[in-house]
Amino acid sequence: MALTFVAGIGLSVQVICNAGLRKYVGNPVWAAALSFVVGLIVVTGYLVVSRAGMPNLSNTAAMPKWFWIGGALGAFYVLTAILVGPKLGSALMLSVVVSAQLITTLFLDHFGVGGMYQTPATPLRIVGVVVVILGVILVATQTSPPKTPQLENPPVTTTS
């Protein structure tokens, strides 16, 4: 649970880092690509340090083909955060993301989609999701988007 909590902190900081990266590189898609390059370097470094063996890629032939869209969904999330984060602010953007995740996973868990542990959508769990949605409404009513994002201005560079 602690690692999950730390990952949540990381997502909050990631929104700010990637939005700042966009401002400095001038393009949201390039910012997302560079973010993924850094992520690939980190994951590859972990694989080397942990001495993880090579995966058995022949097993992927038997898996559902839709499992491959996980990477595309990650890219979609990062790009969306880069585009929307500075406009909504991190708190509102992430509260909307979390509520969407809870609504979706309540349904997916109820049916055990993709081999996940099947957990019924009980009335108490549904109330929990409704409370989170009410929290999003509270965050949204207290958020007034800035006229311009508050990110630092990048240094001016000239080419000759």
N, C-alpha and C. Protein backbone atom coordinates (compact mmCIF):
# COMPACT_ATOMS: atom_id res chain seq x y z
N MET A 1 0.82 -1.19 0.00
CA MET A 1 0.00 0.00 0.00
C MET A 1 0.87 1.26 0.00
N ALA A 2 1.99 1.22 0.72
CA ALA A 2 2.87 2.39 0.78
C ALA A 2 3.46 2.71 -0.59
N LEU A 3 3.86 1.69 -1.34
CA LEU A 3 4.40 1.91 -2.67
C LEU A 3 3.35 2.54 -3.58
N THR A 4 2.12 2.11 -3.46
CA THR A 4 1.02 2.67 -4.24
C THR A 4 0.82 4.14 -3.90
N PHE A 5 0.92 4.47 -2.61
CA PHE A 5 0.78 5.86 -2.17
C PHE A 5 1.89 6.72 -2.77
N VAL A 6 3.12 6.20 -2.74
CA VAL A 6 4.25 6.93 -3.32
C VAL A 6 4.06 7.10 -4.83
N ALA A 7 3.53 6.08 -5.50
CA ALA A 7 3.26 6.19 -6.94
C ALA A 7 2.24 7.30 -7.20
N GLY A 8 1.25 7.44 -6.32
CA GLY A 8 0.27 8.52 -6.46
C GLY A 8 0.92 9.89 -6.33
N ILE A 9 1.86 10.00 -5.40
CA ILE A 9 2.61 11.25 -5.27
C ILE A 9 3.38 11.52 -6.56
N GLY A 10 3.99 10.46 -7.10
CA GLY A 10 4.74 10.59 -8.35
C GLY A 10 3.86 11.07 -9.50
N LEU A 11 2.63 10.56 -9.60
CA LEU A 11 1.74 11.01 -10.67
C LEU A 11 1.43 12.50 -10.54
N SER A 12 1.27 12.95 -9.30
CA SER A 12 0.98 14.37 -9.08
C SER A 12 2.15 15.23 -9.55
N VAL A 13 3.35 14.83 -9.23
CA VAL A 13 4.53 15.58 -9.64
C VAL A 13 4.76 15.44 -11.15
N GLN A 14 4.44 14.28 -11.70
CA GLN A 14 4.63 14.03 -13.13
C GLN A 14 3.85 15.03 -13.98
N VAL A 15 2.64 15.38 -13.56
CA VAL A 15 1.84 16.34 -14.30
C VAL A 15 2.60 17.66 -14.45
N ILE A 16 3.19 18.12 -13.35
CA ILE A 16 3.92 19.38 -13.36
C ILE A 16 5.19 19.27 -14.21
N CYS A 17 5.93 18.17 -14.03
CA CYS A 17 7.17 17.98 -14.79
C CYS A 17 6.92 17.93 -16.28
N ASN A 18 5.92 17.16 -16.69
CA ASN A 18 5.65 17.01 -18.12
C ASN A 18 5.10 18.29 -18.73
N ALA A 19 4.29 19.03 -17.97
CA ALA A 19 3.79 20.32 -18.48
C ALA A 19 4.95 21.29 -18.63
N GLY A 20 5.87 21.27 -17.68
CA GLY A 20 7.06 22.13 -17.79
C GLY A 20 7.93 21.73 -18.96
N LEU A 21 8.08 20.42 -19.16
CA LEU A 21 8.86 19.92 -20.29
C LEU A 21 8.26 20.42 -21.60
N ARG A 22 6.94 20.40 -21.68
CA ARG A 22 6.26 20.89 -22.89
C ARG A 22 6.62 22.34 -23.15
N LYS A 23 6.62 23.14 -22.09
CA LYS A 23 6.91 24.56 -22.27
C LYS A 23 8.33 24.77 -22.79
N TYR A 24 9.25 23.95 -22.33
CA TYR A 24 10.64 24.12 -22.75
C TYR A 24 10.94 23.54 -24.13
N VAL A 25 10.25 22.45 -24.52
CA VAL A 25 10.51 21.88 -25.84
C VAL A 25 9.55 22.44 -26.89
N GLY A 26 8.47 23.07 -26.43
CA GLY A 26 7.57 23.76 -27.35
C GLY A 26 6.51 22.90 -28.02
N ASN A 27 6.42 21.63 -27.66
CA ASN A 27 5.45 20.77 -28.34
C ASN A 27 5.00 19.67 -27.36
N PRO A 28 3.69 19.49 -27.18
CA PRO A 28 3.22 18.49 -26.22
C PRO A 28 3.58 17.05 -26.60
N VAL A 29 3.59 16.75 -27.87
CA VAL A 29 3.89 15.38 -28.30
C VAL A 29 5.38 15.08 -28.08
N TRP A 30 6.24 16.06 -28.37
CA TRP A 30 7.67 15.87 -28.10
C TRP A 30 7.91 15.75 -26.60
N ALA A 31 7.19 16.51 -25.81
CA ALA A 31 7.34 16.42 -24.36
C ALA A 31 6.96 15.02 -23.88
N ALA A 32 5.86 14.48 -24.40
CA ALA A 32 5.44 13.13 -24.03
C ALA A 32 6.49 12.11 -24.46
N ALA A 33 6.99 12.26 -25.69
CA ALA A 33 8.00 11.32 -26.19
C ALA A 33 9.26 11.34 -25.33
N LEU A 34 9.72 12.54 -24.98
CA LEU A 34 10.92 12.65 -24.14
C LEU A 34 10.68 12.07 -22.75
N SER A 35 9.48 12.26 -22.23
CA SER A 35 9.13 11.68 -20.93
C SER A 35 9.21 10.16 -21.00
N PHE A 36 8.72 9.58 -22.08
CA PHE A 36 8.78 8.13 -22.23
C PHE A 36 10.21 7.62 -22.45
N VAL A 37 11.05 8.42 -23.11
CA VAL A 37 12.45 8.03 -23.27
C VAL A 37 13.11 7.93 -21.89
N VAL A 38 12.86 8.93 -21.05
CA VAL A 38 13.42 8.89 -19.69
C VAL A 38 12.88 7.67 -18.94
N GLY A 39 11.58 7.42 -19.06
CA GLY A 39 10.99 6.24 -18.42
C GLY A 39 11.61 4.94 -18.92
N LEU A 40 11.85 4.85 -20.22
CA LEU A 40 12.48 3.66 -20.79
C LEU A 40 13.88 3.46 -20.24
N ILE A 41 14.62 4.55 -20.10
CA ILE A 41 15.97 4.46 -19.54
C ILE A 41 15.90 3.96 -18.10
N VAL A 42 14.98 4.48 -17.31
CA VAL A 42 14.84 4.06 -15.91
C VAL A 42 14.46 2.59 -15.81
N VAL A 43 13.48 2.16 -16.59
CA VAL A 43 13.04 0.76 -16.54
C VAL A 43 14.16 -0.16 -17.03
N THR A 44 14.85 0.22 -18.08
CA THR A 44 15.96 -0.58 -18.58
C THR A 44 17.07 -0.68 -17.54
N GLY A 45 17.36 0.43 -16.90
CA GLY A 45 18.35 0.41 -15.82
C GLY A 45 17.95 -0.53 -14.70
N TYR A 46 16.68 -0.52 -14.33
CA TYR A 46 16.21 -1.43 -13.29
C TYR A 46 16.35 -2.89 -13.73
N LEU A 47 16.02 -3.17 -14.99
CA LEU A 47 16.16 -4.54 -15.50
C LEU A 47 17.61 -5.01 -15.41
N VAL A 48 18.54 -4.13 -15.74
CA VAL A 48 19.97 -4.49 -15.68
C VAL A 48 20.41 -4.70 -14.24
N VAL A 49 20.08 -3.76 -13.36
CA VAL A 49 20.50 -3.85 -11.96
C VAL A 49 19.88 -5.06 -11.26
N SER A 50 18.61 -5.34 -11.58
CA SER A 50 17.93 -6.47 -10.92
C SER A 50 18.25 -7.81 -11.58
N ARG A 51 18.99 -7.76 -12.66
CA ARG A 51 19.38 -8.97 -13.41
C ARG A 51 18.17 -9.81 -13.81
N ALA A 52 17.13 -9.10 -14.24
CA ALA A 52 15.92 -9.78 -14.69
C ALA A 52 16.24 -10.58 -15.95
N GLY A 53 15.75 -11.79 -16.00
CA GLY A 53 15.96 -12.62 -17.18
C GLY A 53 15.14 -12.12 -18.36
N MET A 54 15.45 -12.63 -19.51
CA MET A 54 14.71 -12.26 -20.72
C MET A 54 13.29 -12.83 -20.64
N PRO A 55 12.31 -12.06 -21.10
CA PRO A 55 10.93 -12.56 -21.06
C PRO A 55 10.70 -13.63 -22.12
N ASN A 56 9.72 -14.46 -21.89
CA ASN A 56 9.34 -15.48 -22.87
C ASN A 56 8.27 -14.85 -23.77
N LEU A 57 8.72 -14.21 -24.84
CA LEU A 57 7.80 -13.49 -25.71
C LEU A 57 6.87 -14.40 -26.50
N SER A 58 7.21 -15.68 -26.58
CA SER A 58 6.32 -16.61 -27.29
C SER A 58 4.99 -16.73 -26.56
N ASN A 59 4.96 -16.46 -25.27
CA ASN A 59 3.70 -16.50 -24.51
C ASN A 59 2.73 -15.41 -24.95
N THR A 60 3.25 -14.32 -25.51
CA THR A 60 2.37 -13.22 -25.90
C THR A 60 1.44 -13.60 -27.04
N ALA A 61 1.76 -14.64 -27.79
CA ALA A 61 0.89 -15.08 -28.87
C ALA A 61 -0.45 -15.58 -28.34
N ALA A 62 -0.45 -16.09 -27.11
CA ALA A 62 -1.67 -16.64 -26.53
C ALA A 62 -2.50 -15.60 -25.77
N MET A 63 -1.93 -14.45 -25.49
CA MET A 63 -2.67 -13.47 -24.69
C MET A 63 -3.67 -12.71 -25.56
N PRO A 64 -4.69 -12.14 -24.92
CA PRO A 64 -5.62 -11.31 -25.69
C PRO A 64 -4.89 -10.14 -26.34
N LYS A 65 -5.16 -9.90 -27.60
CA LYS A 65 -4.44 -8.86 -28.35
C LYS A 65 -4.67 -7.48 -27.77
N TRP A 66 -5.80 -7.25 -27.12
CA TRP A 66 -6.09 -5.93 -26.59
C TRP A 66 -5.18 -5.56 -25.41
N PHE A 67 -4.46 -6.52 -24.85
CA PHE A 67 -3.51 -6.20 -23.77
C PHE A 67 -2.41 -5.26 -24.26
N TRP A 68 -2.13 -5.26 -25.57
CA TRP A 68 -1.08 -4.40 -26.12
C TRP A 68 -1.43 -2.92 -26.04
N ILE A 69 -2.70 -2.58 -25.88
CA ILE A 69 -3.04 -1.15 -25.87
C ILE A 69 -2.64 -0.46 -24.57
N GLY A 70 -2.14 -1.20 -23.59
CA GLY A 70 -1.71 -0.58 -22.33
C GLY A 70 -0.70 0.54 -22.56
N GLY A 71 0.26 0.31 -23.42
CA GLY A 71 1.26 1.35 -23.72
C GLY A 71 0.63 2.56 -24.39
N ALA A 72 -0.30 2.32 -25.30
CA ALA A 72 -0.99 3.43 -25.97
C ALA A 72 -1.82 4.23 -24.97
N LEU A 73 -2.46 3.53 -24.03
CA LEU A 73 -3.24 4.23 -23.01
C LEU A 73 -2.34 5.05 -22.09
N GLY A 74 -1.15 4.54 -21.79
CA GLY A 74 -0.19 5.31 -21.01
C GLY A 74 0.23 6.57 -21.74
N ALA A 75 0.48 6.44 -23.04
CA ALA A 75 0.86 7.60 -23.85
C ALA A 75 -0.29 8.61 -23.91
N PHE A 76 -1.50 8.11 -24.05
CA PHE A 76 -2.68 8.98 -24.09
C PHE A 76 -2.82 9.75 -22.78
N TYR A 77 -2.62 9.06 -21.65
CA TYR A 77 -2.71 9.72 -20.35
C TYR A 77 -1.65 10.82 -20.22
N VAL A 78 -0.41 10.50 -20.55
CA VAL A 78 0.67 11.48 -20.40
C VAL A 78 0.42 12.69 -21.29
N LEU A 79 0.03 12.46 -22.53
CA LEU A 79 -0.24 13.57 -23.44
C LEU A 79 -1.42 14.40 -22.96
N THR A 80 -2.47 13.74 -22.48
CA THR A 80 -3.63 14.46 -21.94
C THR A 80 -3.22 15.31 -20.74
N ALA A 81 -2.41 14.74 -19.85
CA ALA A 81 -1.96 15.49 -18.67
C ALA A 81 -1.13 16.71 -19.08
N ILE A 82 -0.32 16.56 -20.11
CA ILE A 82 0.50 17.68 -20.60
C ILE A 82 -0.40 18.78 -21.15
N LEU A 83 -1.44 18.40 -21.87
CA LEU A 83 -2.32 19.39 -22.48
C LEU A 83 -3.30 20.01 -21.49
N VAL A 84 -3.85 19.20 -20.58
CA VAL A 84 -4.92 19.65 -19.70
C VAL A 84 -4.43 20.12 -18.34
N GLY A 85 -3.35 19.52 -17.83
CA GLY A 85 -2.86 19.85 -16.50
C GLY A 85 -2.67 21.34 -16.26
N PRO A 86 -1.96 22.05 -17.14
CA PRO A 86 -1.77 23.48 -16.91
C PRO A 86 -3.06 24.29 -16.94
N LYS A 87 -4.06 23.80 -17.65
CA LYS A 87 -5.34 24.53 -17.76
C LYS A 87 -6.23 24.31 -16.55
N LEU A 88 -6.26 23.07 -16.04
CA LEU A 88 -7.14 22.75 -14.91
C LEU A 88 -6.44 22.87 -13.57
N GLY A 89 -5.14 22.70 -13.56
CA GLY A 89 -4.39 22.57 -12.32
C GLY A 89 -4.30 21.09 -11.97
N SER A 90 -3.25 20.75 -11.24
CA SER A 90 -3.00 19.33 -10.92
C SER A 90 -4.11 18.71 -10.09
N ALA A 91 -4.59 19.44 -9.08
CA ALA A 91 -5.59 18.86 -8.17
C ALA A 91 -6.88 18.50 -8.91
N LEU A 92 -7.39 19.41 -9.71
CA LEU A 92 -8.64 19.12 -10.42
C LEU A 92 -8.42 18.04 -11.47
N MET A 93 -7.33 18.16 -12.24
CA MET A 93 -7.09 17.16 -13.27
C MET A 93 -6.98 15.76 -12.68
N LEU A 94 -6.19 15.62 -11.62
CA LEU A 94 -5.99 14.30 -11.03
C LEU A 94 -7.23 13.81 -10.30
N SER A 95 -8.04 14.69 -9.74
CA SER A 95 -9.26 14.23 -9.09
C SER A 95 -10.26 13.70 -10.12
N VAL A 96 -10.30 14.32 -11.29
CA VAL A 96 -11.15 13.81 -12.37
C VAL A 96 -10.61 12.46 -12.85
N VAL A 97 -9.29 12.35 -12.99
CA VAL A 97 -8.67 11.08 -13.41
C VAL A 97 -9.00 9.98 -12.40
N VAL A 98 -8.83 10.26 -11.11
CA VAL A 98 -9.08 9.25 -10.08
C VAL A 98 -10.55 8.84 -10.08
N SER A 99 -11.46 9.78 -10.22
CA SER A 99 -12.88 9.40 -10.23
C SER A 99 -13.20 8.55 -11.46
N ALA A 100 -12.62 8.90 -12.61
CA ALA A 100 -12.84 8.09 -13.82
C ALA A 100 -12.26 6.69 -13.64
N GLN A 101 -11.09 6.61 -13.00
CA GLN A 101 -10.49 5.30 -12.74
C GLN A 101 -11.37 4.46 -11.82
N LEU A 102 -11.90 5.07 -10.78
CA LEU A 102 -12.74 4.33 -9.84
C LEU A 102 -14.04 3.85 -10.48
N ILE A 103 -14.66 4.71 -11.27
CA ILE A 103 -15.89 4.30 -11.97
C ILE A 103 -15.59 3.12 -12.89
N THR A 104 -14.52 3.25 -13.68
CA THR A 104 -14.16 2.21 -14.64
C THR A 104 -13.77 0.92 -13.94
N THR A 105 -12.91 1.02 -12.92
CA THR A 105 -12.44 -0.20 -12.27
C THR A 105 -13.52 -0.87 -11.44
N LEU A 106 -14.49 -0.11 -10.96
CA LEU A 106 -15.62 -0.73 -10.25
C LEU A 106 -16.33 -1.70 -11.19
N PHE A 107 -16.54 -1.26 -12.42
CA PHE A 107 -17.17 -2.10 -13.44
C PHE A 107 -16.25 -3.27 -13.83
N LEU A 108 -14.97 -2.97 -14.12
CA LEU A 108 -14.04 -4.01 -14.56
C LEU A 108 -13.83 -5.07 -13.48
N ASP A 109 -13.67 -4.62 -12.22
CA ASP A 109 -13.50 -5.57 -11.12
C ASP A 109 -14.74 -6.42 -10.90
N HIS A 110 -15.91 -5.82 -11.08
CA HIS A 110 -17.16 -6.56 -10.87
C HIS A 110 -17.22 -7.79 -11.79
N PHE A 111 -16.73 -7.62 -13.01
CA PHE A 111 -16.77 -8.72 -13.98
C PHE A 111 -15.44 -9.47 -14.10
N GLY A 112 -14.42 -9.06 -13.36
CA GLY A 112 -13.13 -9.73 -13.42
C GLY A 112 -12.49 -9.64 -14.80
N VAL A 113 -12.64 -8.50 -15.45
CA VAL A 113 -12.13 -8.32 -16.82
C VAL A 113 -10.61 -8.48 -16.85
N GLY A 114 -10.11 -9.17 -17.84
CA GLY A 114 -8.68 -9.33 -18.06
C GLY A 114 -8.00 -10.22 -17.04
N GLY A 115 -8.78 -11.02 -16.32
CA GLY A 115 -8.19 -11.92 -15.35
C GLY A 115 -7.91 -11.28 -14.00
N MET A 116 -8.38 -10.05 -13.81
CA MET A 116 -8.20 -9.39 -12.51
C MET A 116 -9.08 -10.05 -11.47
N TYR A 117 -8.73 -9.87 -10.22
CA TYR A 117 -9.51 -10.43 -9.11
C TYR A 117 -10.92 -9.88 -9.19
N GLN A 118 -11.91 -10.77 -9.20
CA GLN A 118 -13.30 -10.36 -9.33
C GLN A 118 -13.84 -9.92 -7.97
N THR A 119 -14.26 -8.65 -7.92
CA THR A 119 -14.81 -8.07 -6.70
C THR A 119 -16.16 -7.45 -7.04
N PRO A 120 -17.23 -7.93 -6.43
CA PRO A 120 -18.56 -7.39 -6.76
C PRO A 120 -18.68 -5.89 -6.48
N ALA A 121 -19.46 -5.21 -7.29
CA ALA A 121 -19.75 -3.79 -7.10
C ALA A 121 -20.87 -3.70 -6.07
N THR A 122 -20.50 -3.80 -4.81
CA THR A 122 -21.49 -3.77 -3.73
C THR A 122 -22.01 -2.34 -3.53
N PRO A 123 -23.16 -2.22 -2.87
CA PRO A 123 -23.67 -0.87 -2.60
C PRO A 123 -22.65 0.01 -1.85
N LEU A 124 -21.91 -0.56 -0.92
CA LEU A 124 -20.93 0.22 -0.18
C LEU A 124 -19.80 0.72 -1.09
N ARG A 125 -19.34 -0.12 -2.00
CA ARG A 125 -18.30 0.30 -2.95
C ARG A 125 -18.82 1.39 -3.88
N ILE A 126 -20.07 1.26 -4.31
CA ILE A 126 -20.68 2.28 -5.17
C ILE A 126 -20.78 3.61 -4.42
N VAL A 127 -21.17 3.57 -3.14
CA VAL A 127 -21.23 4.79 -2.33
C VAL A 127 -19.83 5.40 -2.23
N GLY A 128 -18.82 4.58 -2.07
CA GLY A 128 -17.44 5.08 -2.01
C GLY A 128 -17.07 5.85 -3.26
N VAL A 129 -17.46 5.35 -4.43
CA VAL A 129 -17.17 6.03 -5.69
C VAL A 129 -17.96 7.34 -5.76
N VAL A 130 -19.21 7.32 -5.31
CA VAL A 130 -20.03 8.54 -5.32
C VAL A 130 -19.39 9.61 -4.42
N VAL A 131 -18.86 9.21 -3.28
CA VAL A 131 -18.19 10.15 -2.38
C VAL A 131 -16.98 10.77 -3.08
N VAL A 132 -16.22 9.97 -3.82
CA VAL A 132 -15.07 10.51 -4.56
C VAL A 132 -15.55 11.51 -5.61
N ILE A 133 -16.62 11.19 -6.30
CA ILE A 133 -17.16 12.11 -7.32
C ILE A 133 -17.60 13.42 -6.66
N LEU A 134 -18.22 13.32 -5.48
CA LEU A 134 -18.58 14.54 -4.74
C LEU A 134 -17.33 15.34 -4.39
N GLY A 135 -16.25 14.64 -4.07
CA GLY A 135 -14.98 15.31 -3.80
C GLY A 135 -14.48 16.06 -5.02
N VAL A 136 -14.63 15.47 -6.19
CA VAL A 136 -14.21 16.14 -7.43
C VAL A 136 -15.03 17.42 -7.62
N ILE A 137 -16.31 17.34 -7.34
CA ILE A 137 -17.17 18.52 -7.48
C ILE A 137 -16.70 19.62 -6.52
N LEU A 138 -16.35 19.23 -5.29
CA LEU A 138 -15.85 20.21 -4.32
C LEU A 138 -14.53 20.83 -4.80
N VAL A 139 -13.63 20.01 -5.32
CA VAL A 139 -12.36 20.53 -5.83
C VAL A 139 -12.62 21.46 -7.01
N ALA A 140 -13.55 21.07 -7.90
CA ALA A 140 -13.83 21.88 -9.09
C ALA A 140 -14.45 23.22 -8.73
N THR A 141 -15.31 23.26 -7.70
CA THR A 141 -15.96 24.52 -7.35
C THR A 141 -14.99 25.48 -6.68
N GLN A 142 -13.90 24.97 -6.16
CA GLN A 142 -12.90 25.81 -5.50
C GLN A 142 -11.71 26.09 -6.40
N THR A 143 -11.81 25.71 -7.68
CA THR A 143 -10.71 25.91 -8.60
C THR A 143 -11.08 26.98 -9.60
N SER A 144 -10.26 27.99 -9.68
CA SER A 144 -10.45 28.99 -10.73
C SER A 144 -9.18 28.97 -11.57
N PRO A 145 -9.29 28.42 -12.78
CA PRO A 145 -8.09 28.30 -13.63
C PRO A 145 -7.43 29.65 -13.86
N PRO A 146 -6.10 29.68 -13.81
CA PRO A 146 -5.39 30.93 -14.06
C PRO A 146 -5.57 31.35 -15.51
N LYS A 147 -5.43 32.65 -15.74
CA LYS A 147 -5.53 33.15 -17.12
C LYS A 147 -4.42 32.59 -17.98
N THR A 148 -3.25 32.43 -17.40
CA THR A 148 -2.13 31.80 -18.09
C THR A 148 -1.49 30.84 -17.12
N PRO A 149 -0.97 29.71 -17.60
CA PRO A 149 -0.31 28.77 -16.71
C PRO A 149 0.83 29.45 -15.95
N GLN A 150 1.03 29.03 -14.73
CA GLN A 150 2.01 29.66 -13.85
C GLN A 150 3.41 29.06 -13.98
N LEU A 151 3.67 28.29 -15.02
CA LEU A 151 4.99 27.71 -15.22
C LEU A 151 5.99 28.80 -15.52
N GLU A 152 7.23 28.57 -15.12
CA GLU A 152 8.30 29.53 -15.42
C GLU A 152 8.44 29.70 -16.93
N ASN A 153 8.87 30.86 -17.32
CA ASN A 153 9.17 31.06 -18.74
C ASN A 153 10.50 30.41 -19.04
N PRO A 154 10.58 29.68 -20.16
CA PRO A 154 11.86 29.06 -20.52
C PRO A 154 12.86 30.13 -20.95
N PRO A 155 14.15 29.80 -20.85
CA PRO A 155 15.16 30.75 -21.30
C PRO A 155 15.02 31.00 -22.81
N VAL A 156 15.28 32.21 -23.20
CA VAL A 156 15.21 32.56 -24.61
C VAL A 156 16.51 32.15 -25.26
N THR A 157 16.38 31.37 -26.34
CA THR A 157 17.57 30.96 -27.07
C THR A 157 17.49 31.51 -28.47
N THR A 158 18.61 31.87 -28.99
CA THR A 158 18.66 32.38 -30.35
C THR A 158 19.54 31.47 -31.18
N THR A 159 19.19 31.35 -32.43
CA THR A 159 20.00 30.58 -33.35
C THR A 159 20.59 31.53 -34.39
N SER A 160 21.83 31.31 -34.73
CA SER A 160 22.44 32.19 -35.71
C SER A 160 22.83 31.44 -36.94
